[in-house]
Amino acid sequence: MRRIIAGLSLFVAVTAFTPTSKYVYLCDSNRSYAYLINPSCSGLVHCKHGVFRTTKDSAVNYYGRVACKVCSQ
């Protein structure tokens, strides 16, 4: 029983401090304004430029993007 409790407390401690930044997808266009959570979102259908993956923090802070209204709900 002590091993189970010790294992669970270790699991909780490790998962509590893991980074929460998720990967998001951006259209590499000057007119693009949103980051997409789902790579098969309908917002990427109109992207004629390349699509690349980055972290959510980078998309917001570096690229100045906002969440897609279609796939982020």
PDB file of N, CA and C in Angstrom:
ATOM      1  N   MET A   1       0.820  -1.195   0.000  1.00  0.00           N
ATOM      2  CA  MET A   1       0.000   0.000   0.000  1.00  0.00           C
ATOM      3  C   MET A   1       0.867   1.264   0.000  1.00  0.00           C
ATOM      4  N   ARG A   2       1.960   1.216   0.760  1.00  0.00           N
ATOM      5  CA  ARG A   2       2.853   2.376   0.802  1.00  0.00           C
ATOM      6  C   ARG A   2       3.490   2.632  -0.559  1.00  0.00           C
ATOM      7  N   ARG A   3       3.785   1.557  -1.297  1.00  0.00           N
ATOM      8  CA  ARG A   3       4.369   1.722  -2.628  1.00  0.00           C
ATOM      9  C   ARG A   3       3.393   2.394  -3.579  1.00  0.00           C
ATOM     10  N   ILE A   4       2.131   2.033  -3.459  1.00  0.00           N
ATOM     11  CA  ILE A   4       1.117   2.646  -4.326  1.00  0.00           C
ATOM     12  C   ILE A   4       0.996   4.133  -4.022  1.00  0.00           C
ATOM     13  N   ILE A   5       0.949   4.470  -2.749  1.00  0.00           N
ATOM     14  CA  ILE A   5       0.846   5.876  -2.356  1.00  0.00           C
ATOM     15  C   ILE A   5       2.096   6.642  -2.787  1.00  0.00           C
ATOM     16  N   ALA A   6       3.258   6.051  -2.610  1.00  0.00           N
ATOM     17  CA  ALA A   6       4.501   6.706  -3.020  1.00  0.00           C
ATOM     18  C   ALA A   6       4.537   6.883  -4.530  1.00  0.00           C
ATOM     19  N   GLY A   7       4.086   5.876  -5.271  1.00  0.00           N
ATOM     20  CA  GLY A   7       4.054   5.961  -6.725  1.00  0.00           C
ATOM     21  C   GLY A   7       3.086   7.031  -7.205  1.00  0.00           C
ATOM     22  N   LEU A   8       1.926   7.093  -6.590  1.00  0.00           N
ATOM     23  CA  LEU A   8       0.945   8.112  -6.971  1.00  0.00           C
ATOM     24  C   LEU A   8       1.427   9.518  -6.647  1.00  0.00           C
ATOM     25  N   SER A   9       2.057   9.684  -5.500  1.00  0.00           N
ATOM     26  CA  SER A   9       2.548  11.016  -5.152  1.00  0.00           C
ATOM     27  C   SER A   9       3.688  11.436  -6.075  1.00  0.00           C
ATOM     28  N   LEU A  10       4.524  10.498  -6.493  1.00  0.00           N
ATOM     29  CA  LEU A  10       5.578  10.810  -7.449  1.00  0.00           C
ATOM     30  C   LEU A  10       4.976  11.190  -8.801  1.00  0.00           C
ATOM     31  N   PHE A  11       3.956  10.456  -9.230  1.00  0.00           N
ATOM     32  CA  PHE A  11       3.285  10.762 -10.493  1.00  0.00           C
ATOM     33  C   PHE A  11       2.671  12.158 -10.463  1.00  0.00           C
ATOM     34  N   VAL A  12       2.010  12.501  -9.386  1.00  0.00           N
ATOM     35  CA  VAL A  12       1.390  13.818  -9.259  1.00  0.00           C
ATOM     36  C   VAL A  12       2.454  14.908  -9.261  1.00  0.00           C
ATOM     37  N   ALA A  13       3.556  14.672  -8.566  1.00  0.00           N
ATOM     38  CA  ALA A  13       4.625  15.678  -8.514  1.00  0.00           C
ATOM     39  C   ALA A  13       5.242  15.894  -9.889  1.00  0.00           C
ATOM     40  N   VAL A  14       5.442  14.831 -10.648  1.00  0.00           N
ATOM     41  CA  VAL A  14       6.060  14.958 -11.969  1.00  0.00           C
ATOM     42  C   VAL A  14       5.105  15.625 -12.948  1.00  0.00           C
ATOM     43  N   THR A  15       3.842  15.225 -12.957  1.00  0.00           N
ATOM     44  CA  THR A  15       2.896  15.804 -13.911  1.00  0.00           C
ATOM     45  C   THR A  15       2.511  17.234 -13.552  1.00  0.00           C
ATOM     46  N   ALA A  16       2.649  17.626 -12.317  1.00  0.00           N
ATOM     47  CA  ALA A  16       2.306  18.990 -11.914  1.00  0.00           C
ATOM     48  C   ALA A  16       3.311  20.002 -12.437  1.00  0.00           C
ATOM     49  N   PHE A  17       4.539  19.572 -12.663  1.00  0.00           N
ATOM     50  CA  PHE A  17       5.581  20.498 -13.075  1.00  0.00           C
ATOM     51  C   PHE A  17       6.046  20.301 -14.504  1.00  0.00           C
ATOM     52  N   THR A  18       5.266  19.608 -15.326  1.00  0.00           N
ATOM     53  CA  THR A  18       5.616  19.471 -16.732  1.00  0.00           C
ATOM     54  C   THR A  18       5.173  20.714 -17.475  1.00  0.00           C
ATOM     55  N   PRO A  19       5.900  21.110 -18.512  1.00  0.00           N
ATOM     56  CA  PRO A  19       5.503  22.309 -19.254  1.00  0.00           C
ATOM     57  C   PRO A  19       4.158  22.126 -19.936  1.00  0.00           C
ATOM     58  N   THR A  20       3.375  23.185 -19.972  1.00  0.00           N
ATOM     59  CA  THR A  20       2.030  23.086 -20.533  1.00  0.00           C
ATOM     60  C   THR A  20       1.943  23.673 -21.936  1.00  0.00           C
ATOM     61  N   SER A  21       3.071  24.075 -22.508  1.00  0.00           N
ATOM     62  CA  SER A  21       3.014  24.662 -23.843  1.00  0.00           C
ATOM     63  C   SER A  21       2.703  23.589 -24.868  1.00  0.00           C
ATOM     64  N   LYS A  22       1.662  23.794 -25.614  1.00  0.00           N
ATOM     65  CA  LYS A  22       1.245  22.868 -26.654  1.00  0.00           C
ATOM     66  C   LYS A  22       1.766  23.364 -27.988  1.00  0.00           C
ATOM     67  N   TYR A  23       1.818  22.454 -28.925  1.00  0.00           N
ATOM     68  CA  TYR A  23       2.172  22.856 -30.277  1.00  0.00           C
ATOM     69  C   TYR A  23       0.930  23.335 -31.005  1.00  0.00           C
ATOM     70  N   VAL A  24       1.094  24.366 -31.791  1.00  0.00           N
ATOM     71  CA  VAL A  24       0.023  24.911 -32.610  1.00  0.00           C
ATOM     72  C   VAL A  24       0.553  25.067 -34.032  1.00  0.00           C
ATOM     73  N   TYR A  25      -0.321  25.369 -34.956  1.00  0.00           N
ATOM     74  CA  TYR A  25       0.037  25.451 -36.369  1.00  0.00           C
ATOM     75  C   TYR A  25      -0.244  26.848 -36.894  1.00  0.00           C
ATOM     76  N   LEU A  26       0.680  27.331 -37.714  1.00  0.00           N
ATOM     77  CA  LEU A  26       0.564  28.669 -38.286  1.00  0.00           C
ATOM     78  C   LEU A  26       0.690  28.595 -39.794  1.00  0.00           C
ATOM     79  N   CYS A  27      -0.073  29.431 -40.472  1.00  0.00           N
ATOM     80  CA  CYS A  27       0.093  29.612 -41.906  1.00  0.00           C
ATOM     81  C   CYS A  27       1.178  30.666 -42.091  1.00  0.00           C
ATOM     82  N   ASP A  28       2.140  30.382 -42.926  1.00  0.00           N
ATOM     83  CA  ASP A  28       3.267  31.286 -43.139  1.00  0.00           C
ATOM     84  C   ASP A  28       2.904  32.341 -44.185  1.00  0.00           C
ATOM     85  N   SER A  29       1.979  33.200 -43.809  1.00  0.00           N
ATOM     86  CA  SER A  29       1.493  34.253 -44.698  1.00  0.00           C
ATOM     87  C   SER A  29       1.485  35.582 -43.951  1.00  0.00           C
ATOM     88  N   ASN A  30       1.672  36.664 -44.664  1.00  0.00           N
ATOM     89  CA  ASN A  30       1.626  37.990 -44.040  1.00  0.00           C
ATOM     90  C   ASN A  30       0.228  38.348 -43.548  1.00  0.00           C
ATOM     91  N   ARG A  31      -0.794  37.793 -44.165  1.00  0.00           N
ATOM     92  CA  ARG A  31      -2.179  38.116 -43.808  1.00  0.00           C
ATOM     93  C   ARG A  31      -2.756  37.195 -42.734  1.00  0.00           C
ATOM     94  N   SER A  32      -2.037  36.164 -42.381  1.00  0.00           N
ATOM     95  CA  SER A  32      -2.523  35.215 -41.377  1.00  0.00           C
ATOM     96  C   SER A  32      -2.484  35.862 -39.997  1.00  0.00           C
ATOM     97  N   TYR A  33      -3.511  35.630 -39.194  1.00  0.00           N
ATOM     98  CA  TYR A  33      -3.587  36.265 -37.881  1.00  0.00           C
ATOM     99  C   TYR A  33      -3.860  35.294 -36.743  1.00  0.00           C
ATOM    100  N   ALA A  34      -4.116  34.017 -37.041  1.00  0.00           N
ATOM    101  CA  ALA A  34      -4.510  33.077 -35.996  1.00  0.00           C
ATOM    102  C   ALA A  34      -3.591  31.873 -35.954  1.00  0.00           C
ATOM    103  N   TYR A  35      -3.491  31.285 -34.754  1.00  0.00           N
ATOM    104  CA  TYR A  35      -2.845  29.985 -34.627  1.00  0.00           C
ATOM    105  C   TYR A  35      -3.936  28.932 -34.522  1.00  0.00           C
ATOM    106  N   LEU A  36      -3.644  27.763 -35.032  1.00  0.00           N
ATOM    107  CA  LEU A  36      -4.637  26.699 -35.080  1.00  0.00           C
ATOM    108  C   LEU A  36      -4.188  25.530 -34.221  1.00  0.00           C
ATOM    109  N   ILE A  37      -5.095  24.985 -33.456  1.00  0.00           N
ATOM    110  CA  ILE A  37      -4.787  23.859 -32.596  1.00  0.00           C
ATOM    111  C   ILE A  37      -4.842  22.552 -33.379  1.00  0.00           C
ATOM    112  N   ASN A  38      -5.765  22.473 -34.304  1.00  0.00           N
ATOM    113  CA  ASN A  38      -5.982  21.259 -35.087  1.00  0.00           C
ATOM    114  C   ASN A  38      -5.361  21.440 -36.474  1.00  0.00           C
ATOM    115  N   PRO A  39      -4.420  20.579 -36.864  1.00  0.00           N
ATOM    116  CA  PRO A  39      -3.794  20.757 -38.183  1.00  0.00           C
ATOM    117  C   PRO A  39      -4.741  20.509 -39.350  1.00  0.00           C
ATOM    118  N   SER A  40      -5.888  19.897 -39.102  1.00  0.00           N
ATOM    119  CA  SER A  40      -6.855  19.686 -40.175  1.00  0.00           C
ATOM    120  C   SER A  40      -8.029  20.663 -40.068  1.00  0.00           C
ATOM    121  N   CYS A  41      -7.822  21.788 -39.411  1.00  0.00           N
ATOM    122  CA  CYS A  41      -8.855  22.818 -39.260  1.00  0.00           C
ATOM    123  C   CYS A  41      -9.181  23.425 -40.622  1.00  0.00           C
ATOM    124  N   SER A  42     -10.407  23.841 -40.789  1.00  0.00           N
ATOM    125  CA  SER A  42     -10.813  24.444 -42.061  1.00  0.00           C
ATOM    126  C   SER A  42     -10.123  25.776 -42.308  1.00  0.00           C
ATOM    127  N   GLY A  43      -9.554  26.387 -41.266  1.00  0.00           N
ATOM    128  CA  GLY A  43      -8.817  27.628 -41.440  1.00  0.00           C
ATOM    129  C   GLY A  43      -7.539  27.454 -42.243  1.00  0.00           C
ATOM    130  N   LEU A  44      -6.986  26.262 -42.242  1.00  0.00           N
ATOM    131  CA  LEU A  44      -5.761  26.009 -43.005  1.00  0.00           C
ATOM    132  C   LEU A  44      -6.040  25.641 -44.452  1.00  0.00           C
ATOM    133  N   VAL A  45      -7.289  25.420 -44.800  1.00  0.00           N
ATOM    134  CA  VAL A  45      -7.635  25.065 -46.173  1.00  0.00           C
ATOM    135  C   VAL A  45      -7.269  26.212 -47.121  1.00  0.00           C
ATOM    136  N   HIS A  46      -7.428  27.435 -46.666  1.00  0.00           N
ATOM    137  CA  HIS A  46      -7.184  28.600 -47.508  1.00  0.00           C
ATOM    138  C   HIS A  46      -5.718  29.033 -47.522  1.00  0.00           C
ATOM    139  N   CYS A  47      -4.879  28.377 -46.742  1.00  0.00           N
ATOM    140  CA  CYS A  47      -3.469  28.755 -46.675  1.00  0.00           C
ATOM    141  C   CYS A  47      -2.743  28.271 -47.927  1.00  0.00           C
ATOM    142  N   LYS A  48      -2.286  29.198 -48.718  1.00  0.00           N
ATOM    143  CA  LYS A  48      -1.551  28.865 -49.942  1.00  0.00           C
ATOM    144  C   LYS A  48      -0.046  28.835 -49.702  1.00  0.00           C
ATOM    145  N   HIS A  49       0.359  29.234 -48.510  1.00  0.00           N
ATOM    146  CA  HIS A  49       1.767  29.260 -48.145  1.00  0.00           C
ATOM    147  C   HIS A  49       2.070  28.031 -47.291  1.00  0.00           C
ATOM    148  N   GLY A  50       3.241  27.940 -46.770  1.00  0.00           N
ATOM    149  CA  GLY A  50       3.603  26.804 -45.929  1.00  0.00           C
ATOM    150  C   GLY A  50       2.936  26.857 -44.573  1.00  0.00           C
ATOM    151  N   VAL A  51       2.769  25.705 -43.984  1.00  0.00           N
ATOM    152  CA  VAL A  51       2.224  25.585 -42.635  1.00  0.00           C
ATOM    153  C   VAL A  51       3.350  25.056 -41.754  1.00  0.00           C
ATOM    154  N   PHE A  52       3.548  25.697 -40.614  1.00  0.00           N
ATOM    155  CA  PHE A  52       4.584  25.202 -39.715  1.00  0.00           C
ATOM    156  C   PHE A  52       4.057  25.104 -38.299  1.00  0.00           C
ATOM    157  N   ARG A  53       4.757  24.309 -37.508  1.00  0.00           N
ATOM    158  CA  ARG A  53       4.357  24.027 -36.132  1.00  0.00           C
ATOM    159  C   ARG A  53       5.276  24.788 -35.186  1.00  0.00           C
ATOM    160  N   THR A  54       4.698  25.360 -34.148  1.00  0.00           N
ATOM    161  CA  THR A  54       5.452  26.076 -33.127  1.00  0.00           C
ATOM    162  C   THR A  54       4.708  25.932 -31.802  1.00  0.00           C
ATOM    163  N   THR A  55       5.268  26.456 -30.749  1.00  0.00           N
ATOM    164  CA  THR A  55       4.575  26.402 -29.462  1.00  0.00           C
ATOM    165  C   THR A  55       3.523  27.506 -29.386  1.00  0.00           C
ATOM    166  N   LYS A  56       2.568  27.317 -28.524  1.00  0.00           N
ATOM    167  CA  LYS A  56       1.514  28.317 -28.350  1.00  0.00           C
ATOM    168  C   LYS A  56       2.103  29.629 -27.832  1.00  0.00           C
ATOM    169  N   ASP A  57       3.045  29.537 -26.901  1.00  0.00           N
ATOM    170  CA  ASP A  57       3.680  30.740 -26.368  1.00  0.00           C
ATOM    171  C   ASP A  57       4.380  31.532 -27.466  1.00  0.00           C
ATOM    172  N   SER A  58       5.080  30.840 -28.340  1.00  0.00           N
ATOM    173  CA  SER A  58       5.781  31.496 -29.437  1.00  0.00           C
ATOM    174  C   SER A  58       4.798  32.119 -30.424  1.00  0.00           C
ATOM    175  N   ALA A  59       3.707  31.422 -30.696  1.00  0.00           N
ATOM    176  CA  ALA A  59       2.700  31.941 -31.629  1.00  0.00           C
ATOM    177  C   ALA A  59       2.099  33.243 -31.120  1.00  0.00           C
ATOM    178  N   VAL A  60       1.867  33.321 -29.828  1.00  0.00           N
ATOM    179  CA  VAL A  60       1.248  34.517 -29.249  1.00  0.00           C
ATOM    180  C   VAL A  60       2.278  35.628 -29.071  1.00  0.00           C
ATOM    181  N   ASN A  61       3.400  35.310 -28.449  1.00  0.00           N
ATOM    182  CA  ASN A  61       4.365  36.346 -28.074  1.00  0.00           C
ATOM    183  C   ASN A  61       5.270  36.787 -29.219  1.00  0.00           C
ATOM    184  N   TYR A  62       5.720  35.875 -30.049  1.00  0.00           N
ATOM    185  CA  TYR A  62       6.662  36.229 -31.113  1.00  0.00           C
ATOM    186  C   TYR A  62       5.955  36.596 -32.418  1.00  0.00           C
ATOM    187  N   TYR A  63       4.963  35.774 -32.796  1.00  0.00           N
ATOM    188  CA  TYR A  63       4.270  36.004 -34.066  1.00  0.00           C
ATOM    189  C   TYR A  63       3.032  36.875 -33.931  1.00  0.00           C
ATOM    190  N   GLY A  64       2.562  37.127 -32.714  1.00  0.00           N
ATOM    191  CA  GLY A  64       1.414  37.996 -32.488  1.00  0.00           C
ATOM    192  C   GLY A  64       0.092  37.411 -32.950  1.00  0.00           C
ATOM    193  N   ARG A  65      -0.049  36.104 -32.897  1.00  0.00           N
ATOM    194  CA  ARG A  65      -1.274  35.450 -33.374  1.00  0.00           C
ATOM    195  C   ARG A  65      -2.275  35.281 -32.235  1.00  0.00           C
ATOM    196  N   VAL A  66      -3.520  35.148 -32.612  1.00  0.00           N
ATOM    197  CA  VAL A  66      -4.607  34.869 -31.667  1.00  0.00           C
ATOM    198  C   VAL A  66      -5.177  33.493 -31.980  1.00  0.00           C
ATOM    199  N   ALA A  67      -5.966  32.963 -31.080  1.00  0.00           N
ATOM    200  CA  ALA A  67      -6.534  31.622 -31.251  1.00  0.00           C
ATOM    201  C   ALA A  67      -7.557  31.613 -32.379  1.00  0.00           C
ATOM    202  N   CYS A  68      -7.574  30.535 -33.147  1.00  0.00           N
ATOM    203  CA  CYS A  68      -8.552  30.356 -34.206  1.00  0.00           C
ATOM    204  C   CYS A  68      -9.933  30.193 -33.577  1.00  0.00           C
ATOM    205  N   LYS A  69     -10.914  30.866 -34.128  1.00  0.00           N
ATOM    206  CA  LYS A  69     -12.271  30.789 -33.588  1.00  0.00           C
ATOM    207  C   LYS A  69     -12.979  29.499 -33.961  1.00  0.00           C
ATOM    208  N   VAL A  70     -12.453  28.786 -34.950  1.00  0.00           N
ATOM    209  CA  VAL A  70     -13.096  27.552 -35.386  1.00  0.00           C
ATOM    210  C   VAL A  70     -12.651  26.367 -34.549  1.00  0.00           C
ATOM    211  N   CYS A  71     -11.337  26.170 -34.421  1.00  0.00           N
ATOM    212  CA  CYS A  71     -10.865  24.940 -33.788  1.00  0.00           C
ATOM    213  C   CYS A  71     -10.452  25.103 -32.329  1.00  0.00           C
ATOM    214  N   SER A  72     -10.498  26.296 -31.788  1.00  0.00           N
ATOM    215  CA  SER A  72     -10.071  26.471 -30.391  1.00  0.00           C
ATOM    216  C   SER A  72     -11.230  26.444 -29.405  1.00  0.00           C
ATOM    217  N   GLN A  73     -12.415  26.175 -29.885  1.00  0.00           N
ATOM    218  CA  GLN A  73     -13.578  26.159 -28.979  1.00  0.00           C
ATOM    219  C   GLN A  73     -13.777  24.834 -28.348  1.00  0.00           C
TER     220      GLN A  73
END
